[in-house]
């Protein structure tokens, strides 16, 4: 198996949810829902709010996931998509369901 790249590769579960790997070790992998990650990764400036007025907060983050997936699958950006079920057994998988990144830290 190729090396899985944190915050670049996408993991898809059997329900169609997408995750980024936030941490990976020899036998353990921590996943963060991709929509939650992107929603936590943006600081809303007045300009951003103006540009997305009338949209839900998750719409913006969901569109970012769709864009990342499209670029990943087309080969325009490096990385790969994995199915979660193919990783079960190789890794002890933990989902960080309440991920909340400190916006003061560069990503």
PDB file of N, CA and C in Angstrom:
ATOM      1  N   UNK A   1       0.848  -1.194   0.000  1.00  0.00           N
ATOM      2  CA  UNK A   1       0.000   0.000   0.000  1.00  0.00           C
ATOM      3  C   UNK A   1       0.881   1.241   0.000  1.00  0.00           C
ATOM      4  N   UNK A   2       0.489   2.202  -0.797  1.00  0.00           N
ATOM      5  CA  UNK A   2       1.222   3.465  -0.852  1.00  0.00           C
ATOM      6  C   UNK A   2       1.088   4.207   0.473  1.00  0.00           C
ATOM      7  N   UNK A   3       2.022   5.114   0.711  1.00  0.00           N
ATOM      8  CA  UNK A   3       1.971   5.918   1.927  1.00  0.00           C
ATOM      9  C   UNK A   3       0.781   6.873   1.857  1.00  0.00           C
ATOM     10  N   UNK A   4      -0.050   6.847   2.882  1.00  0.00           N
ATOM     11  CA  UNK A   4      -1.216   7.731   2.950  1.00  0.00           C
ATOM     12  C   UNK A   4      -0.752   9.095   3.452  1.00  0.00           C
ATOM     13  N   UNK A   5      -1.172  10.146   2.755  1.00  0.00           N
ATOM     14  CA  UNK A   5      -0.709  11.493   3.056  1.00  0.00           C
ATOM     15  C   UNK A   5      -1.745  12.270   3.870  1.00  0.00           C
ATOM     16  N   UNK A   6      -1.392  12.643   5.111  1.00  0.00           N
ATOM     17  CA  UNK A   6      -2.328  13.424   5.927  1.00  0.00           C
ATOM     18  C   UNK A   6      -2.693  14.747   5.253  1.00  0.00           C
ATOM     19  N   UNK A   7      -3.947  15.119   5.398  1.00  0.00           N
ATOM     20  CA  UNK A   7      -4.502  16.376   4.896  1.00  0.00           C
ATOM     21  C   UNK A   7      -4.381  16.525   3.372  1.00  0.00           C
ATOM     22  N   UNK A   8      -4.155  15.426   2.667  1.00  0.00           N
ATOM     23  CA  UNK A   8      -4.114  15.464   1.215  1.00  0.00           C
ATOM     24  C   UNK A   8      -4.995  14.369   0.623  1.00  0.00           C
ATOM     25  N   UNK A   9      -4.745  13.117   1.030  1.00  0.00           N
ATOM     26  CA  UNK A   9      -5.553  12.010   0.535  1.00  0.00           C
ATOM     27  C   UNK A   9      -6.939  12.060   1.165  1.00  0.00           C
ATOM     28  N   UNK A  10      -7.917  11.522   0.453  1.00  0.00           N
ATOM     29  CA  UNK A  10      -9.281  11.428   0.977  1.00  0.00           C
ATOM     30  C   UNK A  10      -9.628   9.979   1.245  1.00  0.00           C
ATOM     31  N   UNK A  11     -10.396   9.764   2.307  1.00  0.00           N
ATOM     32  CA  UNK A  11     -10.911   8.449   2.671  1.00  0.00           C
ATOM     33  C   UNK A  11     -12.429   8.536   2.560  1.00  0.00           C
ATOM     34  N   UNK A  12     -13.049   7.590   1.853  1.00  0.00           N
ATOM     35  CA  UNK A  12     -14.510   7.580   1.719  1.00  0.00           C
ATOM     36  C   UNK A  12     -15.065   6.371   2.462  1.00  0.00           C
ATOM     37  N   UNK A  13     -16.095   6.603   3.287  1.00  0.00           N
ATOM     38  CA  UNK A  13     -16.732   5.485   3.979  1.00  0.00           C
ATOM     39  C   UNK A  13     -17.869   4.919   3.133  1.00  0.00           C
ATOM     40  N   UNK A  14     -18.508   3.869   3.623  1.00  0.00           N
ATOM     41  CA  UNK A  14     -19.550   3.194   2.844  1.00  0.00           C
ATOM     42  C   UNK A  14     -20.846   3.987   2.755  1.00  0.00           C
ATOM     43  N   UNK A  15     -20.936   5.107   3.441  1.00  0.00           N
ATOM     44  CA  UNK A  15     -22.111   5.980   3.363  1.00  0.00           C
ATOM     45  C   UNK A  15     -21.875   7.188   2.461  1.00  0.00           C
ATOM     46  N   UNK A  16     -20.676   7.319   1.931  1.00  0.00           N
ATOM     47  CA  UNK A  16     -20.365   8.430   1.036  1.00  0.00           C
ATOM     48  C   UNK A  16     -19.746   9.636   1.718  1.00  0.00           C
ATOM     49  N   UNK A  17     -19.408   9.514   2.999  1.00  0.00           N
ATOM     50  CA  UNK A  17     -18.741  10.607   3.706  1.00  0.00           C
ATOM     51  C   UNK A  17     -17.251  10.587   3.380  1.00  0.00           C
ATOM     52  N   UNK A  18     -16.656  11.770   3.338  1.00  0.00           N
ATOM     53  CA  UNK A  18     -15.233  11.889   3.050  1.00  0.00           C
ATOM     54  C   UNK A  18     -14.487  12.386   4.276  1.00  0.00           C
ATOM     55  N   UNK A  19     -13.269  11.868   4.446  1.00  0.00           N
ATOM     56  CA  UNK A  19     -12.427  12.211   5.583  1.00  0.00           C
ATOM     57  C   UNK A  19     -11.013  12.513   5.100  1.00  0.00           C
ATOM     58  N   UNK A  20     -10.341  13.376   5.852  1.00  0.00           N
ATOM     59  CA  UNK A  20      -8.909  13.559   5.714  1.00  0.00           C
ATOM     60  C   UNK A  20      -8.249  12.838   6.874  1.00  0.00           C
ATOM     61  N   UNK A  21      -7.052  12.359   6.672  1.00  0.00           N
ATOM     62  CA  UNK A  21      -6.256  11.789   7.753  1.00  0.00           C
ATOM     63  C   UNK A  21      -5.570  12.958   8.450  1.00  0.00           C
ATOM     64  N   UNK A  22      -5.796  13.089   9.747  1.00  0.00           N
ATOM     65  CA  UNK A  22      -5.120  14.166  10.477  1.00  0.00           C
ATOM     66  C   UNK A  22      -3.824  13.675  11.109  1.00  0.00           C
ATOM     67  N   UNK A  23      -3.799  12.393  11.490  1.00  0.00           N
ATOM     68  CA  UNK A  23      -2.589  11.795  12.057  1.00  0.00           C
ATOM     69  C   UNK A  23      -2.533  10.345  11.620  1.00  0.00           C
ATOM     70  N   UNK A  24      -1.325   9.873  11.370  1.00  0.00           N
ATOM     71  CA  UNK A  24      -1.155   8.468  10.996  1.00  0.00           C
ATOM     72  C   UNK A  24       0.130   7.941  11.604  1.00  0.00           C
ATOM     73  N   UNK A  25       0.030   6.758  12.158  1.00  0.00           N
ATOM     74  CA  UNK A  25       1.186   6.067  12.700  1.00  0.00           C
ATOM     75  C   UNK A  25       1.294   4.704  12.056  1.00  0.00           C
ATOM     76  N   UNK A  26       2.127   3.872  12.607  1.00  0.00           N
ATOM     77  CA  UNK A  26       2.328   2.548  12.021  1.00  0.00           C
ATOM     78  C   UNK A  26       1.033   1.732  11.995  1.00  0.00           C
ATOM     79  N   UNK A  27       0.248   1.823  13.088  1.00  0.00           N
ATOM     80  CA  UNK A  27      -0.967   1.009  13.184  1.00  0.00           C
ATOM     81  C   UNK A  27      -2.228   1.806  13.491  1.00  0.00           C
ATOM     82  N   UNK A  28      -2.123   3.128  13.586  1.00  0.00           N
ATOM     83  CA  UNK A  28      -3.271   3.942  13.980  1.00  0.00           C
ATOM     84  C   UNK A  28      -3.442   5.117  13.029  1.00  0.00           C
ATOM     85  N   UNK A  29      -4.705   5.427  12.747  1.00  0.00           N
ATOM     86  CA  UNK A  29      -5.030   6.530  11.858  1.00  0.00           C
ATOM     87  C   UNK A  29      -6.170   7.327  12.473  1.00  0.00           C
ATOM     88  N   UNK A  30      -6.021   8.648  12.521  1.00  0.00           N
ATOM     89  CA  UNK A  30      -7.089   9.517  13.017  1.00  0.00           C
ATOM     90  C   UNK A  30      -7.663  10.268  11.825  1.00  0.00           C
ATOM     91  N   UNK A  31      -8.980  10.168  11.667  1.00  0.00           N
ATOM     92  CA  UNK A  31      -9.681  10.795  10.557  1.00  0.00           C
ATOM     93  C   UNK A  31     -10.501  11.981  11.033  1.00  0.00           C
ATOM     94  N   UNK A  32     -10.649  12.971  10.152  1.00  0.00           N
ATOM     95  CA  UNK A  32     -11.492  14.135  10.403  1.00  0.00           C
ATOM     96  C   UNK A  32     -12.420  14.271   9.201  1.00  0.00           C
ATOM     97  N   UNK A  33     -13.701  14.442   9.459  1.00  0.00           N
ATOM     98  CA  UNK A  33     -14.648  14.653   8.373  1.00  0.00           C
ATOM     99  C   UNK A  33     -14.173  15.834   7.540  1.00  0.00           C
ATOM    100  N   UNK A  34     -14.128  15.651   6.215  1.00  0.00           N
ATOM    101  CA  UNK A  34     -13.572  16.676   5.327  1.00  0.00           C
ATOM    102  C   UNK A  34     -14.369  17.979   5.360  1.00  0.00           C
ATOM    103  N   UNK A  35     -15.691  17.893   5.455  1.00  0.00           N
ATOM    104  CA  UNK A  35     -16.512  19.113   5.525  1.00  0.00           C
ATOM    105  C   UNK A  35     -16.213  19.858   6.826  1.00  0.00           C
ATOM    106  N   UNK A  36     -16.117  19.128   7.925  1.00  0.00           N
ATOM    107  CA  UNK A  36     -15.812  19.746   9.217  1.00  0.00           C
ATOM    108  C   UNK A  36     -14.423  20.385   9.178  1.00  0.00           C
ATOM    109  N   UNK A  37     -13.468  19.690   8.566  1.00  0.00           N
ATOM    110  CA  UNK A  37     -12.114  20.238   8.477  1.00  0.00           C
ATOM    111  C   UNK A  37     -12.112  21.556   7.711  1.00  0.00           C
ATOM    112  N   UNK A  38     -12.739  21.575   6.534  1.00  0.00           N
ATOM    113  CA  UNK A  38     -12.764  22.807   5.745  1.00  0.00           C
ATOM    114  C   UNK A  38     -13.553  23.913   6.460  1.00  0.00           C
ATOM    115  N   UNK A  39     -14.631  23.558   7.133  1.00  0.00           N
ATOM    116  CA  UNK A  39     -15.407  24.566   7.868  1.00  0.00           C
ATOM    117  C   UNK A  39     -14.579  25.153   9.014  1.00  0.00           C
ATOM    118  N   UNK A  40     -13.726  24.336   9.617  1.00  0.00           N
ATOM    119  CA  UNK A  40     -12.885  24.797  10.725  1.00  0.00           C
ATOM    120  C   UNK A  40     -11.641  25.514  10.245  1.00  0.00           C
ATOM    121  N   UNK A  41     -11.377  25.415   8.958  1.00  0.00           N
ATOM    122  CA  UNK A  41     -10.132  25.905   8.395  1.00  0.00           C
ATOM    123  C   UNK A  41     -10.245  27.314   7.825  1.00  0.00           C
ATOM    124  N   UNK A  42     -11.428  27.857   7.790  1.00  0.00           N
ATOM    125  CA  UNK A  42     -11.636  29.181   7.201  1.00  0.00           C
ATOM    126  C   UNK A  42     -12.036  30.185   8.268  1.00  0.00           C
ATOM    127  N   UNK A  43     -11.445  31.344   8.196  1.00  0.00           N
ATOM    128  CA  UNK A  43     -11.851  32.451   9.053  1.00  0.00           C
ATOM    129  C   UNK A  43     -12.684  33.378   8.180  1.00  0.00           C
ATOM    130  N   UNK A  44     -13.890  33.651   8.605  1.00  0.00           N
ATOM    131  CA  UNK A  44     -14.802  34.450   7.794  1.00  0.00           C
ATOM    132  C   UNK A  44     -14.476  35.932   7.915  1.00  0.00           C
ATOM    133  N   UNK A  45     -13.947  36.464   6.846  1.00  0.00           N
ATOM    134  CA  UNK A  45     -13.703  37.900   6.759  1.00  0.00           C
ATOM    135  C   UNK A  45     -14.973  38.544   6.209  1.00  0.00           C
ATOM    136  N   UNK A  46     -15.035  39.856   6.270  1.00  0.00           N
ATOM    137  CA  UNK A  46     -16.197  40.564   5.714  1.00  0.00           C
ATOM    138  C   UNK A  46     -16.350  40.255   4.220  1.00  0.00           C
ATOM    139  N   UNK A  47     -15.226  40.184   3.504  1.00  0.00           N
ATOM    140  CA  UNK A  47     -15.266  39.907   2.069  1.00  0.00           C
ATOM    141  C   UNK A  47     -15.790  38.496   1.791  1.00  0.00           C
ATOM    142  N   UNK A  48     -15.343  37.527   2.560  1.00  0.00           N
ATOM    143  CA  UNK A  48     -15.804  36.148   2.373  1.00  0.00           C
ATOM    144  C   UNK A  48     -17.294  36.033   2.661  1.00  0.00           C
ATOM    145  N   UNK A  49     -17.746  36.693   3.708  1.00  0.00           N
ATOM    146  CA  UNK A  49     -19.171  36.681   4.045  1.00  0.00           C
ATOM    147  C   UNK A  49     -19.974  37.329   2.912  1.00  0.00           C
ATOM    148  N   UNK A  50     -19.478  38.429   2.389  1.00  0.00           N
ATOM    149  CA  UNK A  50     -20.159  39.115   1.288  1.00  0.00           C
ATOM    150  C   UNK A  50     -20.239  38.216   0.055  1.00  0.00           C
ATOM    151  N   UNK A  51     -19.132  37.524  -0.261  1.00  0.00           N
ATOM    152  CA  UNK A  51     -19.088  36.658  -1.438  1.00  0.00           C
ATOM    153  C   UNK A  51     -20.021  35.452  -1.319  1.00  0.00           C
ATOM    154  N   UNK A  52     -20.313  35.038  -0.093  1.00  0.00           N
ATOM    155  CA  UNK A  52     -21.122  33.834   0.115  1.00  0.00           C
ATOM    156  C   UNK A  52     -22.416  34.131   0.868  1.00  0.00           C
ATOM    157  N   UNK A  53     -22.868  35.366   0.777  1.00  0.00           N
ATOM    158  CA  UNK A  53     -24.101  35.763   1.450  1.00  0.00           C
ATOM    159  C   UNK A  53     -25.261  34.883   0.960  1.00  0.00           C
ATOM    160  N   UNK A  54     -26.053  34.411   1.885  1.00  0.00           N
ATOM    161  CA  UNK A  54     -27.211  33.586   1.556  1.00  0.00           C
ATOM    162  C   UNK A  54     -26.910  32.097   1.496  1.00  0.00           C
ATOM    163  N   UNK A  55     -25.655  31.706   1.639  1.00  0.00           N
ATOM    164  CA  UNK A  55     -25.284  30.296   1.642  1.00  0.00           C
ATOM    165  C   UNK A  55     -25.215  29.792   3.079  1.00  0.00           C
ATOM    166  N   UNK A  56     -25.443  28.502   3.255  1.00  0.00           N
ATOM    167  CA  UNK A  56     -25.240  27.909   4.572  1.00  0.00           C
ATOM    168  C   UNK A  56     -23.739  27.747   4.798  1.00  0.00           C
ATOM    169  N   UNK A  57     -23.345  27.653   6.052  1.00  0.00           N
ATOM    170  CA  UNK A  57     -21.925  27.482   6.363  1.00  0.00           C
ATOM    171  C   UNK A  57     -21.380  26.191   5.776  1.00  0.00           C
ATOM    172  N   UNK A  58     -22.194  25.140   5.782  1.00  0.00           N
ATOM    173  CA  UNK A  58     -21.700  23.870   5.270  1.00  0.00           C
ATOM    174  C   UNK A  58     -21.619  23.835   3.751  1.00  0.00           C
ATOM    175  N   UNK A  59     -22.393  24.664   3.075  1.00  0.00           N
ATOM    176  CA  UNK A  59     -22.349  24.676   1.604  1.00  0.00           C
ATOM    177  C   UNK A  59     -20.938  25.030   1.122  1.00  0.00           C
ATOM    178  N   UNK A  60     -20.370  26.039   1.696  1.00  0.00           N
ATOM    179  CA  UNK A  60     -19.035  26.492   1.320  1.00  0.00           C
ATOM    180  C   UNK A  60     -18.011  25.376   1.537  1.00  0.00           C
ATOM    181  N   UNK A  61     -18.054  24.749   2.711  1.00  0.00           N
ATOM    182  CA  UNK A  61     -17.105  23.687   3.033  1.00  0.00           C
ATOM    183  C   UNK A  61     -17.342  22.450   2.165  1.00  0.00           C
ATOM    184  N   UNK A  62     -18.593  22.115   1.911  1.00  0.00           N
ATOM    185  CA  UNK A  62     -18.913  20.968   1.067  1.00  0.00           C
ATOM    186  C   UNK A  62     -18.403  21.189  -0.347  1.00  0.00           C
ATOM    187  N   UNK A  63     -18.539  22.392  -0.858  1.00  0.00           N
ATOM    188  CA  UNK A  63     -18.036  22.688  -2.195  1.00  0.00           C
ATOM    189  C   UNK A  63     -16.518  22.552  -2.246  1.00  0.00           C
ATOM    190  N   UNK A  64     -15.840  22.907  -1.179  1.00  0.00           N
ATOM    191  CA  UNK A  64     -14.385  22.750  -1.127  1.00  0.00           C
ATOM    192  C   UNK A  64     -13.997  21.272  -1.192  1.00  0.00           C
ATOM    193  N   UNK A  65     -14.764  20.407  -0.508  1.00  0.00           N
ATOM    194  CA  UNK A  65     -14.504  18.967  -0.562  1.00  0.00           C
ATOM    195  C   UNK A  65     -14.726  18.457  -1.986  1.00  0.00           C
ATOM    196  N   UNK A  66     -15.823  18.861  -2.606  1.00  0.00           N
ATOM    197  CA  UNK A  66     -16.106  18.435  -3.987  1.00  0.00           C
ATOM    198  C   UNK A  66     -14.992  18.881  -4.932  1.00  0.00           C
ATOM    199  N   UNK A  67     -14.510  20.107  -4.768  1.00  0.00           N
ATOM    200  CA  UNK A  67     -13.429  20.617  -5.614  1.00  0.00           C
ATOM    201  C   UNK A  67     -12.139  19.811  -5.395  1.00  0.00           C
ATOM    202  N   UNK A  68     -11.829  19.528  -4.139  1.00  0.00           N
ATOM    203  CA  UNK A  68     -10.626  18.749  -3.814  1.00  0.00           C
ATOM    204  C   UNK A  68     -10.724  17.353  -4.434  1.00  0.00           C
ATOM    205  N   UNK A  69     -11.886  16.720  -4.296  1.00  0.00           N
ATOM    206  CA  UNK A  69     -12.099  15.382  -4.844  1.00  0.00           C
ATOM    207  C   UNK A  69     -11.935  15.374  -6.363  1.00  0.00           C
ATOM    208  N   UNK A  70     -12.518  16.359  -7.017  1.00  0.00           N
ATOM    209  CA  UNK A  70     -12.421  16.457  -8.483  1.00  0.00           C
ATOM    210  C   UNK A  70     -10.965  16.594  -8.919  1.00  0.00           C
ATOM    211  N   UNK A  71     -10.212  17.475  -8.271  1.00  0.00           N
ATOM    212  CA  UNK A  71      -8.811  17.680  -8.611  1.00  0.00           C
ATOM    213  C   UNK A  71      -7.975  16.439  -8.312  1.00  0.00           C
ATOM    214  N   UNK A  72      -8.289  15.767  -7.217  1.00  0.00           N
ATOM    215  CA  UNK A  72      -7.579  14.552  -6.823  1.00  0.00           C
ATOM    216  C   UNK A  72      -7.797  13.441  -7.853  1.00  0.00           C
ATOM    217  N   UNK A  73      -9.055  13.215  -8.220  1.00  0.00           N
ATOM    218  CA  UNK A  73      -9.388  12.138  -9.146  1.00  0.00           C
ATOM    219  C   UNK A  73      -8.901  12.408 -10.568  1.00  0.00           C
ATOM    220  N   UNK A  74      -8.796  13.682 -10.927  1.00  0.00           N
ATOM    221  CA  UNK A  74      -8.313  14.031 -12.267  1.00  0.00           C
ATOM    222  C   UNK A  74      -6.786  14.026 -12.349  1.00  0.00           C
ATOM    223  N   UNK A  75      -6.131  13.933 -11.211  1.00  0.00           N
ATOM    224  CA  UNK A  75      -4.669  13.951 -11.181  1.00  0.00           C
ATOM    225  C   UNK A  75      -4.074  15.344 -11.219  1.00  0.00           C
ATOM    226  N   UNK A  76      -4.924  16.370 -11.097  1.00  0.00           N
ATOM    227  CA  UNK A  76      -4.428  17.754 -11.134  1.00  0.00           C
ATOM    228  C   UNK A  76      -3.684  18.133  -9.857  1.00  0.00           C
ATOM    229  N   UNK A  77      -3.949  17.418  -8.781  1.00  0.00           N
ATOM    230  CA  UNK A  77      -3.205  17.606  -7.537  1.00  0.00           C
ATOM    231  C   UNK A  77      -2.729  16.231  -7.072  1.00  0.00           C
ATOM    232  N   UNK A  78      -1.611  16.172  -6.352  1.00  0.00           N
ATOM    233  CA  UNK A  78      -1.130  14.873  -5.880  1.00  0.00           C
ATOM    234  C   UNK A  78      -2.032  14.327  -4.783  1.00  0.00           C
ATOM    235  N   UNK A  79      -2.070  13.025  -4.699  1.00  0.00           N
ATOM    236  CA  UNK A  79      -2.839  12.373  -3.659  1.00  0.00           C
ATOM    237  C   UNK A  79      -3.707  11.274  -4.237  1.00  0.00           C
ATOM    238  N   UNK A  80      -4.465  10.649  -3.353  1.00  0.00           N
ATOM    239  CA  UNK A  80      -5.252   9.491  -3.738  1.00  0.00           C
ATOM    240  C   UNK A  80      -6.511   9.419  -2.878  1.00  0.00           C
ATOM    241  N   UNK A  81      -7.517   8.703  -3.366  1.00  0.00           N
ATOM    242  CA  UNK A  81      -8.704   8.436  -2.568  1.00  0.00           C
ATOM    243  C   UNK A  81      -8.709   6.957  -2.197  1.00  0.00           C
ATOM    244  N   UNK A  82      -9.002   6.683  -0.939  1.00  0.00           N
ATOM    245  CA  UNK A  82      -9.064   5.315  -0.431  1.00  0.00           C
ATOM    246  C   UNK A  82     -10.461   5.041   0.087  1.00  0.00           C
ATOM    247  N   UNK A  83     -10.870   3.786   0.010  1.00  0.00           N
ATOM    248  CA  UNK A  83     -12.108   3.364   0.652  1.00  0.00           C
ATOM    249  C   UNK A  83     -11.778   2.946   2.079  1.00  0.00           C
ATOM    250  N   UNK A  84     -12.575   3.426   3.017  1.00  0.00           N
ATOM    251  CA  UNK A  84     -12.335   3.144   4.429  1.00  0.00           C
ATOM    252  C   UNK A  84     -12.247   1.648   4.686  1.00  0.00           C
ATOM    253  N   UNK A  85     -13.135   0.884   4.059  1.00  0.00           N
ATOM    254  CA  UNK A  85     -13.160  -0.560   4.304  1.00  0.00           C
ATOM    255  C   UNK A  85     -11.849  -1.236   3.905  1.00  0.00           C
ATOM    256  N   UNK A  86     -11.104  -0.654   2.976  1.00  0.00           N
ATOM    257  CA  UNK A  86      -9.824  -1.241   2.573  1.00  0.00           C
ATOM    258  C   UNK A  86      -8.723  -0.980   3.605  1.00  0.00           C
ATOM    259  N   UNK A  87      -8.973  -0.062   4.532  1.00  0.00           N
ATOM    260  CA  UNK A  87      -7.977   0.294   5.547  1.00  0.00           C
ATOM    261  C   UNK A  87      -8.236  -0.375   6.893  1.00  0.00           C
ATOM    262  N   UNK A  88      -9.483  -0.830   7.086  1.00  0.00           N
ATOM    263  CA  UNK A  88      -9.841  -1.513   8.331  1.00  0.00           C
ATOM    264  C   UNK A  88      -9.051  -2.816   8.396  1.00  0.00           C
ATOM    265  N   UNK A  89      -8.447  -3.063   9.546  1.00  0.00           N
ATOM    266  CA  UNK A  89      -7.610  -4.245   9.699  1.00  0.00           C
ATOM    267  C   UNK A  89      -6.138  -3.899   9.600  1.00  0.00           C
ATOM    268  N   UNK A  90      -5.804  -2.952   8.731  1.00  0.00           N
ATOM    269  CA  UNK A  90      -4.425  -2.484   8.625  1.00  0.00           C
ATOM    270  C   UNK A  90      -4.147  -1.428   9.689  1.00  0.00           C
ATOM    271  N   UNK A  91      -5.179  -0.613   9.964  1.00  0.00           N
ATOM    272  CA  UNK A  91      -5.054   0.476  10.936  1.00  0.00           C
ATOM    273  C   UNK A  91      -6.165   0.403  11.972  1.00  0.00           C
ATOM    274  N   UNK A  92      -5.846   0.838  13.176  1.00  0.00           N
ATOM    275  CA  UNK A  92      -6.868   1.117  14.186  1.00  0.00           C
ATOM    276  C   UNK A  92      -7.355   2.519  13.833  1.00  0.00           C
ATOM    277  N   UNK A  93      -8.605   2.623  13.391  1.00  0.00           N
ATOM    278  CA  UNK A  93      -9.114   3.893  12.864  1.00  0.00           C
ATOM    279  C   UNK A  93      -9.983   4.589  13.901  1.00  0.00           C
ATOM    280  N   UNK A  94      -9.670   5.855  14.147  1.00  0.00           N
ATOM    281  CA  UNK A  94     -10.406   6.692  15.087  1.00  0.00           C
ATOM    282  C   UNK A  94     -10.901   7.913  14.315  1.00  0.00           C
ATOM    283  N   UNK A  95     -12.164   8.258  14.494  1.00  0.00           N
ATOM    284  CA  UNK A  95     -12.714   9.459  13.867  1.00  0.00           C
ATOM    285  C   UNK A  95     -12.801  10.549  14.923  1.00  0.00           C
ATOM    286  N   UNK A  96     -12.146  11.663  14.660  1.00  0.00           N
ATOM    287  CA  UNK A  96     -12.201  12.832  15.538  1.00  0.00           C
ATOM    288  C   UNK A  96     -13.469  13.604  15.171  1.00  0.00           C
ATOM    289  N   UNK A  97     -14.597  13.173  15.763  1.00  0.00           N
ATOM    290  CA  UNK A  97     -15.914  13.688  15.375  1.00  0.00           C
ATOM    291  C   UNK A  97     -16.135  15.145  15.748  1.00  0.00           C
ATOM    292  N   UNK A  98     -15.441  15.629  16.737  1.00  0.00           N
ATOM    293  CA  UNK A  98     -15.641  17.010  17.193  1.00  0.00           C
ATOM    294  C   UNK A  98     -14.397  17.853  16.933  1.00  0.00           C
ATOM    295  N   UNK A  99     -13.786  17.639  15.795  1.00  0.00           N
ATOM    296  CA  UNK A  99     -12.584  18.376  15.397  1.00  0.00           C
ATOM    297  C   UNK A  99     -12.872  19.872  15.382  1.00  0.00           C
ATOM    298  N   UNK A 100     -11.983  20.628  15.996  1.00  0.00           N
ATOM    299  CA  UNK A 100     -12.112  22.083  16.017  1.00  0.00           C
ATOM    300  C   UNK A 100     -10.709  22.669  16.059  1.00  0.00           C
ATOM    301  N   UNK A 101     -10.189  22.992  14.899  1.00  0.00           N
ATOM    302  CA  UNK A 101      -8.841  23.506  14.778  1.00  0.00           C
ATOM    303  C   UNK A 101      -8.747  24.941  15.275  1.00  0.00           C
ATOM    304  N   UNK A 102      -7.659  25.258  15.919  1.00  0.00           N
ATOM    305  CA  UNK A 102      -7.405  26.630  16.348  1.00  0.00           C
ATOM    306  C   UNK A 102      -7.139  27.471  15.094  1.00  0.00           C
ATOM    307  N   UNK A 103      -8.021  28.425  14.774  1.00  0.00           N
ATOM    308  CA  UNK A 103      -7.852  29.217  13.535  1.00  0.00           C
ATOM    309  C   UNK A 103      -6.629  30.097  13.529  1.00  0.00           C
ATOM    310  N   UNK A 104      -5.954  30.231  14.653  1.00  0.00           N
ATOM    311  CA  UNK A 104      -4.758  31.052  14.702  1.00  0.00           C
ATOM    312  C   UNK A 104      -3.506  30.326  14.221  1.00  0.00           C
ATOM    313  N   UNK A 105      -3.642  29.030  13.910  1.00  0.00           N
ATOM    314  CA  UNK A 105      -2.508  28.226  13.467  1.00  0.00           C
ATOM    315  C   UNK A 105      -2.608  28.043  11.962  1.00  0.00           C
ATOM    316  N   UNK A 106      -1.512  28.298  11.246  1.00  0.00           N
ATOM    317  CA  UNK A 106      -1.506  28.104   9.802  1.00  0.00           C
ATOM    318  C   UNK A 106      -1.636  26.640   9.492  1.00  0.00           C
ATOM    319  N   UNK A 107      -2.398  26.346   8.465  1.00  0.00           N
ATOM    320  CA  UNK A 107      -2.688  24.966   8.057  1.00  0.00           C
ATOM    321  C   UNK A 107      -1.774  24.541   6.952  1.00  0.00           C
TER     322      UNK A 107
END
